[in-house]
Amino acid sequence: MQAGFGTWEEVPNYVTTILKVGTPIFYEGGSFKHSRVMAVRSSAGTCILELKEQRDKNIWSIVTAFSGTKPHGVKVGNIQKCATP
């Protein structure tokens, strides 16, 4: 595996190196079926996130993460600190 993570069990650690407060978020457009954005941290990689409705709440689901760091689309914001439920 890339980025210094040697096992599948370490994948969540890889994702957390990307999804940090301040990571830029880009919207590329595309499908009307799915609302997806790209979170890109130049020092770590990219996560593709998809908006889903679950139990009458909107949540962001991680679709994939990879080492590429070239953003696509329009910057629409940055990851913010989440409120504790």
N, C-alpha and C. Protein backbone atom coordinates (compact mmCIF):
# COMPACT_ATOMS: atom_id res chain seq x y z
N MET A 1 0.84 -1.18 0.00
CA MET A 1 0.00 0.00 0.00
C MET A 1 0.89 1.24 0.00
N GLN A 2 0.33 2.33 -0.45
CA GLN A 2 1.10 3.56 -0.59
C GLN A 2 1.00 4.41 0.67
N ALA A 3 1.71 5.53 0.64
CA ALA A 3 1.67 6.56 1.68
C ALA A 3 2.13 6.06 3.05
N GLY A 4 2.89 4.98 3.08
CA GLY A 4 3.43 4.50 4.34
C GLY A 4 2.48 3.67 5.18
N PHE A 5 1.30 3.34 4.66
CA PHE A 5 0.35 2.52 5.39
C PHE A 5 0.43 1.12 4.81
N GLY A 6 0.85 0.16 5.62
CA GLY A 6 1.19 -1.16 5.13
C GLY A 6 0.07 -2.20 5.12
N THR A 7 -1.05 -1.95 5.81
CA THR A 7 -2.11 -2.94 5.88
C THR A 7 -3.47 -2.28 5.66
N TRP A 8 -4.45 -3.11 5.34
CA TRP A 8 -5.81 -2.60 5.15
C TRP A 8 -6.37 -2.00 6.43
N GLU A 9 -5.94 -2.50 7.55
CA GLU A 9 -6.43 -1.98 8.83
C GLU A 9 -6.00 -0.53 9.05
N GLU A 10 -4.97 -0.10 8.33
CA GLU A 10 -4.47 1.26 8.47
C GLU A 10 -5.16 2.26 7.53
N VAL A 11 -6.08 1.79 6.70
CA VAL A 11 -6.78 2.68 5.76
C VAL A 11 -7.48 3.84 6.48
N PRO A 12 -8.19 3.61 7.60
CA PRO A 12 -8.79 4.76 8.29
C PRO A 12 -7.76 5.81 8.70
N ASN A 13 -6.55 5.39 9.06
CA ASN A 13 -5.50 6.35 9.39
C ASN A 13 -5.11 7.18 8.17
N TYR A 14 -5.07 6.53 7.01
CA TYR A 14 -4.77 7.25 5.77
C TYR A 14 -5.84 8.30 5.48
N VAL A 15 -7.09 7.90 5.61
CA VAL A 15 -8.19 8.82 5.36
C VAL A 15 -8.12 10.01 6.31
N THR A 16 -7.78 9.78 7.56
CA THR A 16 -7.71 10.90 8.51
C THR A 16 -6.54 11.84 8.23
N THR A 17 -5.52 11.38 7.48
CA THR A 17 -4.46 12.30 7.09
C THR A 17 -4.94 13.27 6.02
N ILE A 18 -6.00 12.90 5.31
CA ILE A 18 -6.58 13.76 4.28
C ILE A 18 -7.69 14.64 4.85
N LEU A 19 -8.61 14.03 5.59
CA LEU A 19 -9.79 14.74 6.08
C LEU A 19 -9.50 15.43 7.41
N LYS A 20 -8.91 16.59 7.31
CA LYS A 20 -8.57 17.40 8.48
C LYS A 20 -9.24 18.77 8.34
N VAL A 21 -9.43 19.44 9.46
CA VAL A 21 -9.97 20.79 9.43
C VAL A 21 -9.11 21.64 8.51
N GLY A 22 -9.76 22.32 7.58
CA GLY A 22 -9.05 23.17 6.64
C GLY A 22 -8.80 22.56 5.28
N THR A 23 -8.97 21.24 5.14
CA THR A 23 -8.77 20.61 3.83
C THR A 23 -9.75 21.20 2.83
N PRO A 24 -9.26 21.67 1.68
CA PRO A 24 -10.14 22.25 0.66
C PRO A 24 -11.09 21.20 0.06
N ILE A 25 -12.30 21.65 -0.27
CA ILE A 25 -13.33 20.79 -0.87
C ILE A 25 -13.68 21.35 -2.24
N PHE A 26 -13.74 20.46 -3.23
CA PHE A 26 -14.03 20.85 -4.62
C PHE A 26 -15.26 20.11 -5.12
N TYR A 27 -16.07 20.80 -5.93
CA TYR A 27 -17.23 20.20 -6.56
C TYR A 27 -17.02 20.20 -8.06
N GLU A 28 -17.10 19.02 -8.65
CA GLU A 28 -16.82 18.86 -10.07
C GLU A 28 -18.09 18.91 -10.92
N GLY A 29 -19.25 18.87 -10.29
CA GLY A 29 -20.49 18.78 -11.06
C GLY A 29 -20.78 17.31 -11.29
N GLY A 30 -21.44 17.03 -12.39
CA GLY A 30 -21.64 15.63 -12.75
C GLY A 30 -23.02 15.11 -12.47
N SER A 31 -23.10 13.98 -11.84
CA SER A 31 -24.32 13.19 -11.70
C SER A 31 -25.42 13.90 -10.91
N PHE A 32 -26.64 13.72 -11.40
CA PHE A 32 -27.80 14.19 -10.63
C PHE A 32 -28.22 13.16 -9.60
N LYS A 33 -27.74 11.92 -9.73
CA LYS A 33 -28.07 10.85 -8.79
C LYS A 33 -27.30 10.99 -7.48
N HIS A 34 -26.06 11.47 -7.58
CA HIS A 34 -25.18 11.51 -6.42
C HIS A 34 -24.60 12.91 -6.25
N SER A 35 -24.55 13.37 -5.01
CA SER A 35 -23.85 14.62 -4.70
C SER A 35 -22.49 14.24 -4.16
N ARG A 36 -21.46 14.44 -4.97
CA ARG A 36 -20.10 14.07 -4.57
C ARG A 36 -19.19 15.28 -4.60
N VAL A 37 -18.25 15.29 -3.65
CA VAL A 37 -17.23 16.32 -3.61
C VAL A 37 -15.88 15.65 -3.45
N MET A 38 -14.83 16.41 -3.70
CA MET A 38 -13.46 15.94 -3.62
C MET A 38 -12.74 16.75 -2.54
N ALA A 39 -12.20 16.08 -1.54
CA ALA A 39 -11.39 16.73 -0.51
C ALA A 39 -9.94 16.44 -0.83
N VAL A 40 -9.13 17.49 -1.04
CA VAL A 40 -7.76 17.31 -1.49
C VAL A 40 -6.79 17.95 -0.51
N ARG A 41 -5.90 17.16 0.05
CA ARG A 41 -4.82 17.66 0.90
C ARG A 41 -3.53 17.39 0.15
N SER A 42 -2.86 18.45 -0.27
CA SER A 42 -1.70 18.30 -1.17
C SER A 42 -0.59 17.44 -0.59
N SER A 43 -0.47 17.37 0.71
CA SER A 43 0.60 16.56 1.30
C SER A 43 0.20 15.11 1.54
N ALA A 44 -1.09 14.76 1.31
CA ALA A 44 -1.53 13.42 1.67
C ALA A 44 -2.28 12.68 0.56
N GLY A 45 -3.23 13.31 -0.08
CA GLY A 45 -4.03 12.62 -1.09
C GLY A 45 -5.40 13.22 -1.24
N THR A 46 -6.31 12.42 -1.78
CA THR A 46 -7.67 12.87 -2.09
C THR A 46 -8.68 11.88 -1.56
N CYS A 47 -9.79 12.38 -1.05
CA CYS A 47 -10.95 11.57 -0.69
C CYS A 47 -12.13 12.05 -1.50
N ILE A 48 -12.89 11.12 -2.04
CA ILE A 48 -14.15 11.44 -2.69
C ILE A 48 -15.24 11.14 -1.68
N LEU A 49 -16.09 12.13 -1.43
CA LEU A 49 -17.16 12.01 -0.44
C LEU A 49 -18.50 12.12 -1.15
N GLU A 50 -19.50 11.38 -0.65
CA GLU A 50 -20.83 11.40 -1.24
C GLU A 50 -21.86 11.71 -0.16
N LEU A 51 -22.77 12.62 -0.47
CA LEU A 51 -23.84 12.98 0.46
C LEU A 51 -24.94 11.92 0.38
N LYS A 52 -25.32 11.39 1.55
CA LYS A 52 -26.38 10.39 1.62
C LYS A 52 -27.35 10.76 2.73
N GLU A 53 -28.58 10.30 2.57
CA GLU A 53 -29.58 10.50 3.63
C GLU A 53 -29.70 9.20 4.41
N GLN A 54 -29.58 9.31 5.73
CA GLN A 54 -29.67 8.13 6.58
C GLN A 54 -30.45 8.51 7.83
N ARG A 55 -31.55 7.81 8.06
CA ARG A 55 -32.40 8.09 9.23
C ARG A 55 -32.78 9.56 9.30
N ASP A 56 -33.23 10.10 8.18
CA ASP A 56 -33.68 11.49 8.07
C ASP A 56 -32.58 12.51 8.36
N LYS A 57 -31.32 12.09 8.22
CA LYS A 57 -30.20 13.01 8.39
C LYS A 57 -29.30 12.90 7.18
N ASN A 58 -28.65 13.99 6.83
CA ASN A 58 -27.65 13.96 5.77
C ASN A 58 -26.30 13.62 6.37
N ILE A 59 -25.61 12.67 5.75
CA ILE A 59 -24.26 12.29 6.19
C ILE A 59 -23.35 12.26 4.96
N TRP A 60 -22.06 12.40 5.20
CA TRP A 60 -21.07 12.28 4.14
C TRP A 60 -20.42 10.92 4.27
N SER A 61 -20.45 10.16 3.18
CA SER A 61 -19.87 8.83 3.12
C SER A 61 -18.59 8.89 2.29
N ILE A 62 -17.55 8.18 2.71
CA ILE A 62 -16.30 8.13 1.96
C ILE A 62 -16.46 7.09 0.85
N VAL A 63 -16.30 7.54 -0.39
CA VAL A 63 -16.40 6.65 -1.55
C VAL A 63 -15.06 5.99 -1.81
N THR A 64 -13.99 6.78 -1.82
CA THR A 64 -12.65 6.26 -2.07
C THR A 64 -11.62 7.27 -1.58
N ALA A 65 -10.40 6.82 -1.44
CA ALA A 65 -9.26 7.69 -1.11
C ALA A 65 -8.08 7.20 -1.93
N PHE A 66 -7.28 8.16 -2.42
CA PHE A 66 -6.13 7.79 -3.24
C PHE A 66 -5.05 8.85 -3.12
N SER A 67 -3.87 8.55 -3.64
CA SER A 67 -2.71 9.41 -3.43
C SER A 67 -2.65 10.63 -4.33
N GLY A 68 -3.45 10.69 -5.38
CA GLY A 68 -3.43 11.85 -6.27
C GLY A 68 -3.84 13.13 -5.54
N THR A 69 -3.23 14.24 -5.93
CA THR A 69 -3.52 15.50 -5.22
C THR A 69 -3.88 16.64 -6.17
N LYS A 70 -4.33 16.32 -7.37
CA LYS A 70 -4.72 17.37 -8.31
C LYS A 70 -6.23 17.60 -8.18
N PRO A 71 -6.64 18.77 -7.72
CA PRO A 71 -8.07 19.04 -7.56
C PRO A 71 -8.76 19.23 -8.91
N HIS A 72 -10.02 18.86 -8.96
CA HIS A 72 -10.85 19.05 -10.15
C HIS A 72 -12.12 19.77 -9.71
N GLY A 73 -12.58 20.70 -10.51
CA GLY A 73 -13.82 21.40 -10.20
C GLY A 73 -13.58 22.72 -9.52
N VAL A 74 -14.64 23.22 -8.92
CA VAL A 74 -14.66 24.53 -8.28
C VAL A 74 -14.53 24.34 -6.77
N LYS A 75 -13.65 25.12 -6.15
CA LYS A 75 -13.53 25.06 -4.69
C LYS A 75 -14.81 25.61 -4.08
N VAL A 76 -15.43 24.81 -3.20
CA VAL A 76 -16.69 25.22 -2.58
C VAL A 76 -16.58 25.41 -1.07
N GLY A 77 -15.41 25.16 -0.52
CA GLY A 77 -15.24 25.36 0.92
C GLY A 77 -14.05 24.59 1.45
N ASN A 78 -14.05 24.47 2.78
CA ASN A 78 -13.02 23.73 3.49
C ASN A 78 -13.70 22.89 4.56
N ILE A 79 -13.06 21.81 4.95
CA ILE A 79 -13.60 20.98 6.03
C ILE A 79 -13.58 21.80 7.31
N GLN A 80 -14.72 21.77 8.00
CA GLN A 80 -14.88 22.50 9.25
C GLN A 80 -14.90 21.52 10.42
N LYS A 81 -14.64 22.02 11.58
CA LYS A 81 -14.73 21.20 12.78
C LYS A 81 -16.19 20.79 12.98
N CYS A 82 -16.40 19.52 13.26
CA CYS A 82 -17.76 19.01 13.45
C CYS A 82 -18.20 19.22 14.90
N ALA A 83 -19.48 19.50 15.05
CA ALA A 83 -20.06 19.60 16.38
C ALA A 83 -20.26 18.19 16.92
N THR A 84 -20.08 18.00 18.19
CA THR A 84 -20.30 16.70 18.81
C THR A 84 -21.80 16.48 18.92
N PRO A 85 -22.27 15.27 18.47
CA PRO A 85 -23.73 15.02 18.51
C PRO A 85 -24.28 14.94 19.91
